[in-house]
Amino acid sequence: MNLFVSIMGWTGMSLLLLSFAFQQRIRSAAYFVINAIGALLIAAYCIYSKAWPPAVLNMVWLLVAIHSLLIRKRSLSHSSSATVEGHSLKASVQDRHALTHNDRVEV
């Protein structure tokens, strides 16, 4: 059992580090999913080890990842329309977010 718990802790830690690497490139759904799984595994490891402060921290981190996934899902399902020179353009919330956060947009 101790080997399983150790593997669970190391896997969770590795997944959290991997999710941070994804976060540096793009905040995709994979970032939030890997982050949630990693936080869950580390929380379980900490609960088993009776390490309560990091267990609580990772449970909160798990909730943040789940909340972010739900917000992302909701924002991707909504779209908006704009008209430019008589043409209707549809852009998702994610597309608008990406455009507003780029340094420059070449036209």
PDB file of N, CA and C in Angstrom:
ATOM      1  N   MET A   1       0.820  -1.196   0.000  1.00  0.00           N
ATOM      2  CA  MET A   1       0.000   0.000   0.000  1.00  0.00           C
ATOM      3  C   MET A   1       0.860   1.255   0.000  1.00  0.00           C
ATOM      4  N   ASN A   2       1.963   1.255   0.750  1.00  0.00           N
ATOM      5  CA  ASN A   2       2.825   2.431   0.805  1.00  0.00           C
ATOM      6  C   ASN A   2       3.425   2.749  -0.558  1.00  0.00           C
ATOM      7  N   LEU A   3       3.764   1.715  -1.347  1.00  0.00           N
ATOM      8  CA  LEU A   3       4.304   1.943  -2.683  1.00  0.00           C
ATOM      9  C   LEU A   3       3.252   2.626  -3.562  1.00  0.00           C
ATOM     10  N   PHE A   4       2.012   2.149  -3.479  1.00  0.00           N
ATOM     11  CA  PHE A   4       0.923   2.746  -4.250  1.00  0.00           C
ATOM     12  C   PHE A   4       0.726   4.211  -3.870  1.00  0.00           C
ATOM     13  N   VAL A   5       0.745   4.492  -2.598  1.00  0.00           N
ATOM     14  CA  VAL A   5       0.550   5.870  -2.124  1.00  0.00           C
ATOM     15  C   VAL A   5       1.715   6.746  -2.578  1.00  0.00           C
ATOM     16  N   SER A   6       2.928   6.236  -2.521  1.00  0.00           N
ATOM     17  CA  SER A   6       4.093   7.006  -2.986  1.00  0.00           C
ATOM     18  C   SER A   6       3.995   7.295  -4.482  1.00  0.00           C
ATOM     19  N   ILE A   7       3.607   6.292  -5.250  1.00  0.00           N
ATOM     20  CA  ILE A   7       3.439   6.488  -6.697  1.00  0.00           C
ATOM     21  C   ILE A   7       2.357   7.527  -6.961  1.00  0.00           C
ATOM     22  N   MET A   8       1.277   7.472  -6.188  1.00  0.00           N
ATOM     23  CA  MET A   8       0.190   8.430  -6.334  1.00  0.00           C
ATOM     24  C   MET A   8       0.700   9.856  -6.063  1.00  0.00           C
ATOM     25  N   GLY A   9       1.469  10.047  -5.024  1.00  0.00           N
ATOM     26  CA  GLY A   9       2.012  11.364  -4.691  1.00  0.00           C
ATOM     27  C   GLY A   9       2.962  11.882  -5.752  1.00  0.00           C
ATOM     28  N   TRP A  10       3.882  11.045  -6.213  1.00  0.00           N
ATOM     29  CA  TRP A  10       4.834  11.447  -7.247  1.00  0.00           C
ATOM     30  C   TRP A  10       4.137  11.733  -8.578  1.00  0.00           C
ATOM     31  N   THR A  11       3.120  10.933  -8.901  1.00  0.00           N
ATOM     32  CA  THR A  11       2.365  11.155 -10.140  1.00  0.00           C
ATOM     33  C   THR A  11       1.609  12.474 -10.055  1.00  0.00           C
ATOM     34  N   GLY A  12       0.976  12.730  -8.935  1.00  0.00           N
ATOM     35  CA  GLY A  12       0.259  13.992  -8.754  1.00  0.00           C
ATOM     36  C   GLY A  12       1.180  15.184  -8.877  1.00  0.00           C
ATOM     37  N   MET A  13       2.339  15.103  -8.259  1.00  0.00           N
ATOM     38  CA  MET A  13       3.313  16.189  -8.328  1.00  0.00           C
ATOM     39  C   MET A  13       3.780  16.386  -9.774  1.00  0.00           C
ATOM     40  N   SER A  14       4.024  15.304 -10.485  1.00  0.00           N
ATOM     41  CA  SER A  14       4.460  15.389 -11.881  1.00  0.00           C
ATOM     42  C   SER A  14       3.378  16.013 -12.757  1.00  0.00           C
ATOM     43  N   LEU A  15       2.124  15.641 -12.517  1.00  0.00           N
ATOM     44  CA  LEU A  15       1.027  16.202 -13.306  1.00  0.00           C
ATOM     45  C   LEU A  15       0.855  17.694 -13.050  1.00  0.00           C
ATOM     46  N   LEU A  16       1.012  18.120 -11.805  1.00  0.00           N
ATOM     47  CA  LEU A  16       0.919  19.556 -11.518  1.00  0.00           C
ATOM     48  C   LEU A  16       2.036  20.329 -12.221  1.00  0.00           C
ATOM     49  N   LEU A  17       3.238  19.780 -12.212  1.00  0.00           N
ATOM     50  CA  LEU A  17       4.340  20.445 -12.913  1.00  0.00           C
ATOM     51  C   LEU A  17       4.084  20.479 -14.416  1.00  0.00           C
ATOM     52  N   LEU A  18       3.548  19.394 -14.958  1.00  0.00           N
ATOM     53  CA  LEU A  18       3.213  19.342 -16.378  1.00  0.00           C
ATOM     54  C   LEU A  18       2.136  20.369 -16.707  1.00  0.00           C
ATOM     55  N   SER A  19       1.155  20.507 -15.841  1.00  0.00           N
ATOM     56  CA  SER A  19       0.088  21.486 -16.100  1.00  0.00           C
ATOM     57  C   SER A  19       0.642  22.909 -16.092  1.00  0.00           C
ATOM     58  N   PHE A  20       1.607  23.196 -15.236  1.00  0.00           N
ATOM     59  CA  PHE A  20       2.213  24.526 -15.234  1.00  0.00           C
ATOM     60  C   PHE A  20       2.992  24.767 -16.529  1.00  0.00           C
ATOM     61  N   ALA A  21       3.609  23.712 -17.073  1.00  0.00           N
ATOM     62  CA  ALA A  21       4.288  23.854 -18.364  1.00  0.00           C
ATOM     63  C   ALA A  21       3.271  24.183 -19.453  1.00  0.00           C
ATOM     64  N   PHE A  22       2.097  23.532 -19.442  1.00  0.00           N
ATOM     65  CA  PHE A  22       1.029  23.844 -20.394  1.00  0.00           C
ATOM     66  C   PHE A  22       0.544  25.273 -20.205  1.00  0.00           C
ATOM     67  N   GLN A  23       0.444  25.705 -18.970  1.00  0.00           N
ATOM     68  CA  GLN A  23      -0.082  27.030 -18.675  1.00  0.00           C
ATOM     69  C   GLN A  23       0.802  28.110 -19.273  1.00  0.00           C
ATOM     70  N   GLN A  24       2.098  27.866 -19.326  1.00  0.00           N
ATOM     71  CA  GLN A  24       3.013  28.851 -19.890  1.00  0.00           C
ATOM     72  C   GLN A  24       2.795  29.022 -21.388  1.00  0.00           C
ATOM     73  N   ARG A  25       2.324  27.959 -22.057  1.00  0.00           N
ATOM     74  CA  ARG A  25       2.114  28.026 -23.503  1.00  0.00           C
ATOM     75  C   ARG A  25       0.696  28.466 -23.848  1.00  0.00           C
ATOM     76  N   ILE A  26      -0.297  27.795 -23.291  1.00  0.00           N
ATOM     77  CA  ILE A  26      -1.690  28.117 -23.584  1.00  0.00           C
ATOM     78  C   ILE A  26      -2.556  27.525 -22.482  1.00  0.00           C
ATOM     79  N   ARG A  27      -3.582  28.226 -22.120  1.00  0.00           N
ATOM     80  CA  ARG A  27      -4.479  27.738 -21.071  1.00  0.00           C
ATOM     81  C   ARG A  27      -5.577  26.912 -21.725  1.00  0.00           C
ATOM     82  N   SER A  28      -5.200  25.724 -22.152  1.00  0.00           N
ATOM     83  CA  SER A  28      -6.151  24.838 -22.804  1.00  0.00           C
ATOM     84  C   SER A  28      -6.907  24.030 -21.757  1.00  0.00           C
ATOM     85  N   ALA A  29      -7.887  23.276 -22.221  1.00  0.00           N
ATOM     86  CA  ALA A  29      -8.628  22.399 -21.320  1.00  0.00           C
ATOM     87  C   ALA A  29      -7.690  21.371 -20.698  1.00  0.00           C
ATOM     88  N   ALA A  30      -6.675  20.943 -21.457  1.00  0.00           N
ATOM     89  CA  ALA A  30      -5.714  19.966 -20.936  1.00  0.00           C
ATOM     90  C   ALA A  30      -5.028  20.489 -19.680  1.00  0.00           C
ATOM     91  N   TYR A  31      -4.732  21.777 -19.647  1.00  0.00           N
ATOM     92  CA  TYR A  31      -4.106  22.380 -18.470  1.00  0.00           C
ATOM     93  C   TYR A  31      -4.971  22.170 -17.231  1.00  0.00           C
ATOM     94  N   PHE A  32      -6.260  22.476 -17.361  1.00  0.00           N
ATOM     95  CA  PHE A  32      -7.150  22.374 -16.208  1.00  0.00           C
ATOM     96  C   PHE A  32      -7.411  20.922 -15.809  1.00  0.00           C
ATOM     97  N   VAL A  33      -7.533  20.026 -16.786  1.00  0.00           N
ATOM     98  CA  VAL A  33      -7.770  18.611 -16.485  1.00  0.00           C
ATOM     99  C   VAL A  33      -6.566  18.005 -15.777  1.00  0.00           C
ATOM    100  N   ILE A  34      -5.374  18.232 -16.335  1.00  0.00           N
ATOM    101  CA  ILE A  34      -4.154  17.692 -15.712  1.00  0.00           C
ATOM    102  C   ILE A  34      -3.953  18.300 -14.335  1.00  0.00           C
ATOM    103  N   ASN A  35      -4.239  19.572 -14.202  1.00  0.00           N
ATOM    104  CA  ASN A  35      -4.115  20.253 -12.917  1.00  0.00           C
ATOM    105  C   ASN A  35      -5.067  19.636 -11.886  1.00  0.00           C
ATOM    106  N   ALA A  36      -6.305  19.377 -12.299  1.00  0.00           N
ATOM    107  CA  ALA A  36      -7.295  18.793 -11.384  1.00  0.00           C
ATOM    108  C   ALA A  36      -6.879  17.393 -10.947  1.00  0.00           C
ATOM    109  N   ILE A  37      -6.437  16.573 -11.891  1.00  0.00           N
ATOM    110  CA  ILE A  37      -6.025  15.200 -11.551  1.00  0.00           C
ATOM    111  C   ILE A  37      -4.814  15.220 -10.626  1.00  0.00           C
ATOM    112  N   GLY A  38      -3.852  16.078 -10.944  1.00  0.00           N
ATOM    113  CA  GLY A  38      -2.659  16.189 -10.091  1.00  0.00           C
ATOM    114  C   GLY A  38      -3.004  16.632  -8.686  1.00  0.00           C
ATOM    115  N   ALA A  39      -3.868  17.629  -8.563  1.00  0.00           N
ATOM    116  CA  ALA A  39      -4.276  18.116  -7.237  1.00  0.00           C
ATOM    117  C   ALA A  39      -5.022  17.037  -6.463  1.00  0.00           C
ATOM    118  N   LEU A  40      -5.873  16.276  -7.160  1.00  0.00           N
ATOM    119  CA  LEU A  40      -6.608  15.191  -6.512  1.00  0.00           C
ATOM    120  C   LEU A  40      -5.653  14.123  -5.978  1.00  0.00           C
ATOM    121  N   LEU A  41      -4.682  13.736  -6.787  1.00  0.00           N
ATOM    122  CA  LEU A  41      -3.736  12.704  -6.351  1.00  0.00           C
ATOM    123  C   LEU A  41      -2.878  13.181  -5.183  1.00  0.00           C
ATOM    124  N   ILE A  42      -2.413  14.414  -5.246  1.00  0.00           N
ATOM    125  CA  ILE A  42      -1.604  14.941  -4.136  1.00  0.00           C
ATOM    126  C   ILE A  42      -2.451  15.079  -2.881  1.00  0.00           C
ATOM    127  N   ALA A  43      -3.695  15.528  -3.014  1.00  0.00           N
ATOM    128  CA  ALA A  43      -4.579  15.639  -1.842  1.00  0.00           C
ATOM    129  C   ALA A  43      -4.790  14.262  -1.211  1.00  0.00           C
ATOM    130  N   ALA A  44      -5.035  13.252  -2.033  1.00  0.00           N
ATOM    131  CA  ALA A  44      -5.215  11.892  -1.503  1.00  0.00           C
ATOM    132  C   ALA A  44      -3.955  11.412  -0.796  1.00  0.00           C
ATOM    133  N   TYR A  45      -2.799  11.675  -1.390  1.00  0.00           N
ATOM    134  CA  TYR A  45      -1.520  11.302  -0.774  1.00  0.00           C
ATOM    135  C   TYR A  45      -1.358  12.004   0.578  1.00  0.00           C
ATOM    136  N   CYS A  46      -1.662  13.285   0.626  1.00  0.00           N
ATOM    137  CA  CYS A  46      -1.512  14.052   1.865  1.00  0.00           C
ATOM    138  C   CYS A  46      -2.501  13.593   2.932  1.00  0.00           C
ATOM    139  N   ILE A  47      -3.719  13.264   2.525  1.00  0.00           N
ATOM    140  CA  ILE A  47      -4.703  12.761   3.492  1.00  0.00           C
ATOM    141  C   ILE A  47      -4.226  11.433   4.068  1.00  0.00           C
ATOM    142  N   TYR A  48      -3.723  10.555   3.208  1.00  0.00           N
ATOM    143  CA  TYR A  48      -3.200   9.272   3.676  1.00  0.00           C
ATOM    144  C   TYR A  48      -2.041   9.490   4.645  1.00  0.00           C
ATOM    145  N   SER A  49      -1.204  10.474   4.352  1.00  0.00           N
ATOM    146  CA  SER A  49      -0.025  10.759   5.178  1.00  0.00           C
ATOM    147  C   SER A  49      -0.347  11.645   6.377  1.00  0.00           C
ATOM    148  N   LYS A  50      -1.607  12.070   6.499  1.00  0.00           N
ATOM    149  CA  LYS A  50      -2.051  12.964   7.571  1.00  0.00           C
ATOM    150  C   LYS A  50      -1.303  14.296   7.560  1.00  0.00           C
ATOM    151  N   ALA A  51      -1.022  14.760   6.339  1.00  0.00           N
ATOM    152  CA  ALA A  51      -0.396  16.060   6.152  1.00  0.00           C
ATOM    153  C   ALA A  51      -1.515  17.016   5.748  1.00  0.00           C
ATOM    154  N   TRP A  52      -2.182  17.593   6.733  1.00  0.00           N
ATOM    155  CA  TRP A  52      -3.415  18.331   6.498  1.00  0.00           C
ATOM    156  C   TRP A  52      -3.260  19.647   5.750  1.00  0.00           C
ATOM    157  N   PRO A  53      -2.277  20.487   6.044  1.00  0.00           N
ATOM    158  CA  PRO A  53      -2.191  21.753   5.293  1.00  0.00           C
ATOM    159  C   PRO A  53      -2.052  21.555   3.774  1.00  0.00           C
ATOM    160  N   PRO A  54      -1.115  20.713   3.297  1.00  0.00           N
ATOM    161  CA  PRO A  54      -1.060  20.536   1.835  1.00  0.00           C
ATOM    162  C   PRO A  54      -2.274  19.790   1.286  1.00  0.00           C
ATOM    163  N   ALA A  55      -2.922  18.963   2.104  1.00  0.00           N
ATOM    164  CA  ALA A  55      -4.144  18.287   1.655  1.00  0.00           C
ATOM    165  C   ALA A  55      -5.238  19.316   1.375  1.00  0.00           C
ATOM    166  N   VAL A  56      -5.423  20.251   2.290  1.00  0.00           N
ATOM    167  CA  VAL A  56      -6.441  21.293   2.114  1.00  0.00           C
ATOM    168  C   VAL A  56      -6.079  22.182   0.922  1.00  0.00           C
ATOM    169  N   LEU A  57      -4.816  22.559   0.819  1.00  0.00           N
ATOM    170  CA  LEU A  57      -4.369  23.382  -0.298  1.00  0.00           C
ATOM    171  C   LEU A  57      -4.695  22.715  -1.637  1.00  0.00           C
ATOM    172  N   ASN A  58      -4.412  21.437  -1.760  1.00  0.00           N
ATOM    173  CA  ASN A  58      -4.659  20.744  -3.018  1.00  0.00           C
ATOM    174  C   ASN A  58      -6.137  20.486  -3.262  1.00  0.00           C
ATOM    175  N   MET A  59      -6.930  20.366  -2.213  1.00  0.00           N
ATOM    176  CA  MET A  59      -8.378  20.261  -2.415  1.00  0.00           C
ATOM    177  C   MET A  59      -8.933  21.584  -2.945  1.00  0.00           C
ATOM    178  N   VAL A  60      -8.423  22.698  -2.421  1.00  0.00           N
ATOM    179  CA  VAL A  60      -8.832  24.010  -2.939  1.00  0.00           C
ATOM    180  C   VAL A  60      -8.372  24.156  -4.385  1.00  0.00           C
ATOM    181  N   TRP A  61      -7.146  23.741  -4.676  1.00  0.00           N
ATOM    182  CA  TRP A  61      -6.612  23.813  -6.034  1.00  0.00           C
ATOM    183  C   TRP A  61      -7.458  22.962  -6.993  1.00  0.00           C
ATOM    184  N   LEU A  62      -7.927  21.813  -6.525  1.00  0.00           N
ATOM    185  CA  LEU A  62      -8.816  20.954  -7.310  1.00  0.00           C
ATOM    186  C   LEU A  62     -10.117  21.693  -7.625  1.00  0.00           C
ATOM    187  N   LEU A  63     -10.692  22.351  -6.637  1.00  0.00           N
ATOM    188  CA  LEU A  63     -11.926  23.106  -6.855  1.00  0.00           C
ATOM    189  C   LEU A  63     -11.715  24.261  -7.840  1.00  0.00           C
ATOM    190  N   VAL A  64     -10.580  24.924  -7.752  1.00  0.00           N
ATOM    191  CA  VAL A  64     -10.270  26.009  -8.687  1.00  0.00           C
ATOM    192  C   VAL A  64     -10.175  25.464 -10.107  1.00  0.00           C
ATOM    193  N   ALA A  65      -9.523  24.327 -10.283  1.00  0.00           N
ATOM    194  CA  ALA A  65      -9.388  23.737 -11.617  1.00  0.00           C
ATOM    195  C   ALA A  65     -10.749  23.329 -12.175  1.00  0.00           C
ATOM    196  N   ILE A  66     -11.596  22.733 -11.349  1.00  0.00           N
ATOM    197  CA  ILE A  66     -12.932  22.333 -11.798  1.00  0.00           C
ATOM    198  C   ILE A  66     -13.758  23.566 -12.152  1.00  0.00           C
ATOM    199  N   HIS A  67     -13.705  24.582 -11.317  1.00  0.00           N
ATOM    200  CA  HIS A  67     -14.425  25.827 -11.579  1.00  0.00           C
ATOM    201  C   HIS A  67     -13.955  26.448 -12.899  1.00  0.00           C
ATOM    202  N   SER A  68     -12.653  26.466 -13.131  1.00  0.00           N
ATOM    203  CA  SER A  68     -12.107  27.025 -14.364  1.00  0.00           C
ATOM    204  C   SER A  68     -12.561  26.232 -15.582  1.00  0.00           C
ATOM    205  N   LEU A  69     -12.624  24.907 -15.454  1.00  0.00           N
ATOM    206  CA  LEU A  69     -13.121  24.076 -16.560  1.00  0.00           C
ATOM    207  C   LEU A  69     -14.578  24.399 -16.879  1.00  0.00           C
ATOM    208  N   LEU A  70     -15.386  24.577 -15.845  1.00  0.00           N
ATOM    209  CA  LEU A  70     -16.794  24.900 -16.063  1.00  0.00           C
ATOM    210  C   LEU A  70     -16.958  26.267 -16.717  1.00  0.00           C
ATOM    211  N   ILE A  71     -16.175  27.253 -16.281  1.00  0.00           N
ATOM    212  CA  ILE A  71     -16.225  28.579 -16.889  1.00  0.00           C
ATOM    213  C   ILE A  71     -15.787  28.501 -18.343  1.00  0.00           C
ATOM    214  N   ARG A  72     -14.725  27.762 -18.591  1.00  0.00           N
ATOM    215  CA  ARG A  72     -14.226  27.609 -19.967  1.00  0.00           C
ATOM    216  C   ARG A  72     -15.277  26.960 -20.855  1.00  0.00           C
ATOM    217  N   LYS A  73     -15.919  25.926 -20.353  1.00  0.00           N
ATOM    218  CA  LYS A  73     -16.948  25.232 -21.125  1.00  0.00           C
ATOM    219  C   LYS A  73     -18.110  26.183 -21.438  1.00  0.00           C
ATOM    220  N   ARG A  74     -18.536  26.939 -20.447  1.00  0.00           N
ATOM    221  CA  ARG A  74     -19.639  27.878 -20.626  1.00  0.00           C
ATOM    222  C   ARG A  74     -19.267  28.980 -21.619  1.00  0.00           C
ATOM    223  N   SER A  75     -18.056  29.506 -21.528  1.00  0.00           N
ATOM    224  CA  SER A  75     -17.661  30.603 -22.411  1.00  0.00           C
ATOM    225  C   SER A  75     -17.481  30.127 -23.851  1.00  0.00           C
ATOM    226  N   LEU A  76     -17.071  28.877 -24.046  1.00  0.00           N
ATOM    227  CA  LEU A  76     -16.912  28.362 -25.403  1.00  0.00           C
ATOM    228  C   LEU A  76     -18.254  28.081 -26.066  1.00  0.00           C
ATOM    229  N   SER A  77     -19.279  27.851 -25.274  1.00  0.00           N
ATOM    230  CA  SER A  77     -20.583  27.555 -25.846  1.00  0.00           C
ATOM    231  C   SER A  77     -21.316  28.821 -26.282  1.00  0.00           C
ATOM    232  N   HIS A  78     -20.884  29.976 -25.795  1.00  0.00           N
ATOM    233  CA  HIS A  78     -21.491  31.249 -26.187  1.00  0.00           C
ATOM    234  C   HIS A  78     -20.661  31.863 -27.305  1.00  0.00           C
ATOM    235  N   SER A  79     -21.292  32.476 -28.235  1.00  0.00           N
ATOM    236  CA  SER A  79     -20.562  33.195 -29.272  1.00  0.00           C
ATOM    237  C   SER A  79     -21.235  34.538 -29.496  1.00  0.00           C
ATOM    238  N   SER A  80     -20.509  35.415 -30.111  1.00  0.00           N
ATOM    239  CA  SER A  80     -21.071  36.728 -30.400  1.00  0.00           C
ATOM    240  C   SER A  80     -20.915  37.019 -31.882  1.00  0.00           C
ATOM    241  N   SER A  81     -21.690  37.958 -32.378  1.00  0.00           N
ATOM    242  CA  SER A  81     -21.638  38.341 -33.782  1.00  0.00           C
ATOM    243  C   SER A  81     -21.207  39.788 -33.896  1.00  0.00           C
ATOM    244  N   ALA A  82     -20.507  40.073 -34.958  1.00  0.00           N
ATOM    245  CA  ALA A  82     -20.120  41.446 -35.267  1.00  0.00           C
ATOM    246  C   ALA A  82     -20.224  41.619 -36.777  1.00  0.00           C
ATOM    247  N   THR A  83     -20.428  42.824 -37.209  1.00  0.00           N
ATOM    248  CA  THR A  83     -20.522  43.095 -38.642  1.00  0.00           C
ATOM    249  C   THR A  83     -19.398  44.036 -39.025  1.00  0.00           C
ATOM    250  N   VAL A  84     -18.617  43.616 -40.030  1.00  0.00           N
ATOM    251  CA  VAL A  84     -17.533  44.436 -40.538  1.00  0.00           C
ATOM    252  C   VAL A  84     -17.742  44.565 -42.037  1.00  0.00           C
ATOM    253  N   GLU A  85     -17.967  45.784 -42.508  1.00  0.00           N
ATOM    254  CA  GLU A  85     -18.188  46.077 -43.919  1.00  0.00           C
ATOM    255  C   GLU A  85     -19.233  45.144 -44.528  1.00  0.00           C
ATOM    256  N   GLY A  86     -20.335  44.964 -43.834  1.00  0.00           N
ATOM    257  CA  GLY A  86     -21.439  44.179 -44.351  1.00  0.00           C
ATOM    258  C   GLY A  86     -21.306  42.679 -44.174  1.00  0.00           C
ATOM    259  N   HIS A  87     -20.197  42.205 -43.613  1.00  0.00           N
ATOM    260  CA  HIS A  87     -19.997  40.772 -43.409  1.00  0.00           C
ATOM    261  C   HIS A  87     -20.202  40.444 -41.940  1.00  0.00           C
ATOM    262  N   SER A  88     -20.909  39.377 -41.687  1.00  0.00           N
ATOM    263  CA  SER A  88     -21.145  38.950 -40.312  1.00  0.00           C
ATOM    264  C   SER A  88     -20.000  38.051 -39.874  1.00  0.00           C
ATOM    265  N   LEU A  89     -19.424  38.379 -38.744  1.00  0.00           N
ATOM    266  CA  LEU A  89     -18.332  37.586 -38.185  1.00  0.00           C
ATOM    267  C   LEU A  89     -18.775  36.990 -36.864  1.00  0.00           C
ATOM    268  N   LYS A  90     -18.477  35.740 -36.654  1.00  0.00           N
ATOM    269  CA  LYS A  90     -18.774  35.112 -35.368  1.00  0.00           C
ATOM    270  C   LYS A  90     -17.446  34.776 -34.707  1.00  0.00           C
ATOM    271  N   ALA A  91     -17.329  35.168 -33.461  1.00  0.00           N
ATOM    272  CA  ALA A  91     -16.112  34.877 -32.701  1.00  0.00           C
ATOM    273  C   ALA A  91     -16.507  34.342 -31.348  1.00  0.00           C
ATOM    274  N   SER A  92     -15.823  33.305 -30.938  1.00  0.00           N
ATOM    275  CA  SER A  92     -16.108  32.763 -29.612  1.00  0.00           C
ATOM    276  C   SER A  92     -15.507  33.683 -28.566  1.00  0.00           C
ATOM    277  N   VAL A  93     -15.937  33.505 -27.346  1.00  0.00           N
ATOM    278  CA  VAL A  93     -15.403  34.298 -26.236  1.00  0.00           C
ATOM    279  C   VAL A  93     -13.907  34.062 -26.115  1.00  0.00           C
ATOM    280  N   GLN A  94     -13.472  32.824 -26.341  1.00  0.00           N
ATOM    281  CA  GLN A  94     -12.046  32.507 -26.247  1.00  0.00           C
ATOM    282  C   GLN A  94     -11.263  33.266 -27.316  1.00  0.00           C
ATOM    283  N   ASP A  95     -11.787  33.358 -28.551  1.00  0.00           N
ATOM    284  CA  ASP A  95     -11.112  34.096 -29.610  1.00  0.00           C
ATOM    285  C   ASP A  95     -10.977  35.570 -29.233  1.00  0.00           C
ATOM    286  N   ARG A  96     -12.057  36.159 -28.716  1.00  0.00           N
ATOM    287  CA  ARG A  96     -12.002  37.567 -28.313  1.00  0.00           C
ATOM    288  C   ARG A  96     -10.989  37.757 -27.196  1.00  0.00           C
ATOM    289  N   HIS A  97     -10.949  36.814 -26.258  1.00  0.00           N
ATOM    290  CA  HIS A  97     -10.009  36.899 -25.149  1.00  0.00           C
ATOM    291  C   HIS A  97      -8.578  36.846 -25.680  1.00  0.00           C
ATOM    292  N   ALA A  98      -8.321  35.957 -26.624  1.00  0.00           N
ATOM    293  CA  ALA A  98      -6.979  35.835 -27.186  1.00  0.00           C
ATOM    294  C   ALA A  98      -6.580  37.115 -27.901  1.00  0.00           C
ATOM    295  N   LEU A  99      -7.506  37.716 -28.643  1.00  0.00           N
ATOM    296  CA  LEU A  99      -7.197  38.952 -29.359  1.00  0.00           C
ATOM    297  C   LEU A  99      -6.919  40.101 -28.413  1.00  0.00           C
ATOM    298  N   THR A 100      -7.626  40.180 -27.317  1.00  0.00           N
ATOM    299  CA  THR A 100      -7.415  41.288 -26.397  1.00  0.00           C
ATOM    300  C   THR A 100      -6.151  41.142 -25.583  1.00  0.00           C
ATOM    301  N   HIS A 101      -5.598  39.942 -25.521  1.00  0.00           N
ATOM    302  CA  HIS A 101      -4.414  39.735 -24.712  1.00  0.00           C
ATOM    303  C   HIS A 101      -3.137  39.577 -25.543  1.00  0.00           C
ATOM    304  N   ASN A 102      -3.226  39.665 -26.865  1.00  0.00           N
ATOM    305  CA  ASN A 102      -2.027  39.652 -27.697  1.00  0.00           C
ATOM    306  C   ASN A 102      -1.405  41.040 -27.671  1.00  0.00           C
ATOM    307  N   ASP A 103      -0.078  41.080 -27.824  1.00  0.00           N
ATOM    308  CA  ASP A 103       0.584  42.370 -27.824  1.00  0.00           C
ATOM    309  C   ASP A 103       0.167  43.201 -29.028  1.00  0.00           C
ATOM    310  N   ARG A 104       0.144  42.594 -30.210  1.00  0.00           N
ATOM    311  CA  ARG A 104      -0.213  43.316 -31.422  1.00  0.00           C
ATOM    312  C   ARG A 104      -1.054  42.403 -32.303  1.00  0.00           C
ATOM    313  N   VAL A 105      -1.950  43.008 -33.004  1.00  0.00           N
ATOM    314  CA  VAL A 105      -2.729  42.285 -33.997  1.00  0.00           C
ATOM    315  C   VAL A 105      -2.462  42.960 -35.324  1.00  0.00           C
ATOM    316  N   GLU A 106      -1.841  42.232 -36.258  1.00  0.00           N
ATOM    317  CA  GLU A 106      -1.545  42.775 -37.585  1.00  0.00           C
ATOM    318  C   GLU A 106      -2.781  42.649 -38.448  1.00  0.00           C
ATOM    319  N   VAL A 107      -3.139  43.735 -39.129  1.00  0.00           N
ATOM    320  CA  VAL A 107      -4.303  43.731 -40.015  1.00  0.00           C
ATOM    321  C   VAL A 107      -3.846  43.930 -41.437  1.00  0.00           C
TER     322      VAL A 107
END
